[in-house]
Amino acid sequence: MFQYPLQEGSSLTCFQCSAPLGYKYACENKVNNKTTPTQQCVPPYTKCMTLVANRTIVRACGQSNVCSIYHNATRCSTCNYNLCNNGFVPSYYGSLGIFAALFSALKFVT
């Protein structure tokens, strides 16, 4: 399936939710149009965004430069087609997650 950017003047639809990381809330990793609210973007909010900061995830409409102006974000991405801000965000912020990632990396090296 191909995803095409919207034409100028069209209204973009994005997922809209926020939740603390690590509690397995739907906003963190089970985003879909049956359980997660959506919103129509209006200028100057012309991109869908996924932002992680202070152990909280936010999915919403955002300005095109949101990732460059929000300096406390540990992860930030924008996209420009309907419901594109649905990507999985791993809860790697705890020491256990870091240990698991290092163990996996070492397993492939040896």
Protein backbone atom coordinates (compact mmCIF):
# COMPACT_ATOMS: atom_id res chain seq x y z
CA MET A 1 0.00 0.00 0.00
CA PHE A 2 1.36 3.42 -0.95
CA GLN A 3 1.12 6.47 1.28
CA TYR A 4 0.89 9.80 -0.50
CA PRO A 5 1.37 13.22 1.10
CA LEU A 6 -1.75 15.34 1.10
CA GLN A 7 -2.22 18.06 -1.46
CA GLU A 8 -1.87 21.63 -0.26
CA GLY A 9 -5.18 22.85 1.13
CA SER A 10 -6.28 19.38 2.24
CA SER A 11 -6.94 18.59 5.86
CA LEU A 12 -4.58 16.15 7.54
CA THR A 13 -5.89 13.67 10.14
CA CYS A 14 -3.58 12.57 12.98
CA PHE A 15 -3.86 10.37 16.04
CA GLN A 16 -4.29 12.43 19.21
CA CYS A 17 -3.30 10.96 22.57
CA SER A 18 -0.78 11.23 25.37
CA ALA A 19 0.33 8.80 28.07
CA PRO A 20 3.21 8.02 30.41
CA LEU A 21 5.69 5.52 28.99
CA GLY A 22 6.09 2.04 30.39
CA TYR A 23 2.49 1.40 31.43
CA LYS A 24 1.37 -0.24 28.16
CA TYR A 25 -1.27 2.37 27.42
CA ALA A 26 -2.63 2.24 23.87
CA CYS A 27 -1.00 5.56 23.00
CA GLU A 28 2.43 4.00 23.48
CA ASN A 29 2.29 1.06 21.11
CA LYS A 30 -1.24 -0.03 20.11
CA VAL A 31 -2.37 3.04 18.21
CA ASN A 32 -5.23 2.37 15.80
CA ASN A 33 -8.29 4.17 14.54
CA LYS A 34 -10.67 1.99 16.58
CA THR A 35 -9.26 2.84 20.02
CA THR A 36 -7.28 6.06 19.59
CA PRO A 37 -8.91 9.46 19.01
CA THR A 38 -8.02 11.41 15.87
CA GLN A 39 -7.99 15.10 15.05
CA GLN A 40 -8.14 17.24 11.92
CA CYS A 41 -5.10 19.50 11.66
CA VAL A 42 -5.47 23.20 10.95
CA PRO A 43 -2.66 25.62 10.06
CA PRO A 44 -0.07 26.21 11.40
CA TYR A 45 -0.27 22.55 12.57
CA THR A 46 0.40 20.87 9.24
CA LYS A 47 2.19 17.63 10.25
CA CYS A 48 1.38 14.61 12.36
CA MET A 49 3.88 14.22 15.18
CA THR A 50 5.02 11.70 17.73
CA LEU A 51 6.99 13.26 20.58
CA VAL A 52 8.55 11.59 23.63
CA ALA A 53 9.71 13.80 26.48
CA ASN A 54 9.88 13.44 30.26
CA ARG A 55 8.77 9.78 30.01
CA THR A 56 5.55 10.82 28.25
CA ILE A 57 4.45 10.20 24.67
CA VAL A 58 2.32 12.68 22.74
CA ARG A 59 0.75 12.02 19.34
CA ALA A 60 -1.03 14.95 17.70
CA CYS A 61 -0.96 17.55 14.96
CA GLY A 62 2.19 19.63 15.14
CA GLN A 63 4.04 22.42 13.42
CA SER A 64 6.56 21.36 10.82
CA ASN A 65 9.45 22.53 13.04
CA VAL A 66 8.24 20.95 16.31
CA CYS A 67 11.23 18.59 16.54
CA SER A 68 13.75 21.39 16.19
CA ILE A 69 12.12 23.65 18.78
CA TYR A 70 11.35 21.06 21.47
CA HIS A 71 14.83 20.43 22.91
CA ASN A 72 13.76 18.16 25.80
CA ALA A 73 12.44 15.46 23.47
CA THR A 74 14.17 12.09 23.59
CA ARG A 75 12.36 11.11 20.40
CA CYS A 76 10.48 13.23 17.90
CA SER A 77 9.19 12.60 14.39
CA THR A 78 6.77 14.22 11.98
CA CYS A 79 5.01 12.93 8.86
CA ASN A 80 2.49 14.25 6.36
CA TYR A 81 -0.12 11.64 5.47
CA ASN A 82 -3.30 10.66 7.29
CA LEU A 83 -2.81 8.73 10.54
CA CYS A 84 0.93 8.36 9.96
CA ASN A 85 1.88 9.03 13.61
CA ASN A 86 1.08 5.47 14.68
CA GLY A 87 4.56 3.98 15.01
CA PHE A 88 5.60 1.76 17.89
CA VAL A 89 7.65 3.51 20.59
CA PRO A 90 9.64 1.03 22.68
CA SER A 91 9.86 1.59 26.42
CA TYR A 92 13.65 1.60 26.46
CA TYR A 93 13.97 4.33 29.05
CA GLY A 94 14.50 2.05 32.02
CA SER A 95 17.74 0.29 32.89
CA LEU A 96 16.18 -3.10 32.21
CA GLY A 97 15.40 -2.07 28.63
CA ILE A 98 18.95 -0.81 28.13
CA PHE A 99 20.34 -4.07 29.53
CA ALA A 100 18.13 -6.10 27.17
CA ALA A 101 19.27 -4.04 24.17
CA LEU A 102 22.94 -4.47 25.10
CA PHE A 103 22.48 -8.20 25.65
CA SER A 104 20.82 -8.56 22.23
CA ALA A 105 23.63 -6.63 20.56
CA LEU A 106 26.28 -8.78 22.23
CA LYS A 107 24.46 -11.95 21.25
CA PHE A 108 24.78 -11.09 17.56
CA VAL A 109 28.45 -10.07 17.84
CA THR A 110 29.61 -13.39 19.30
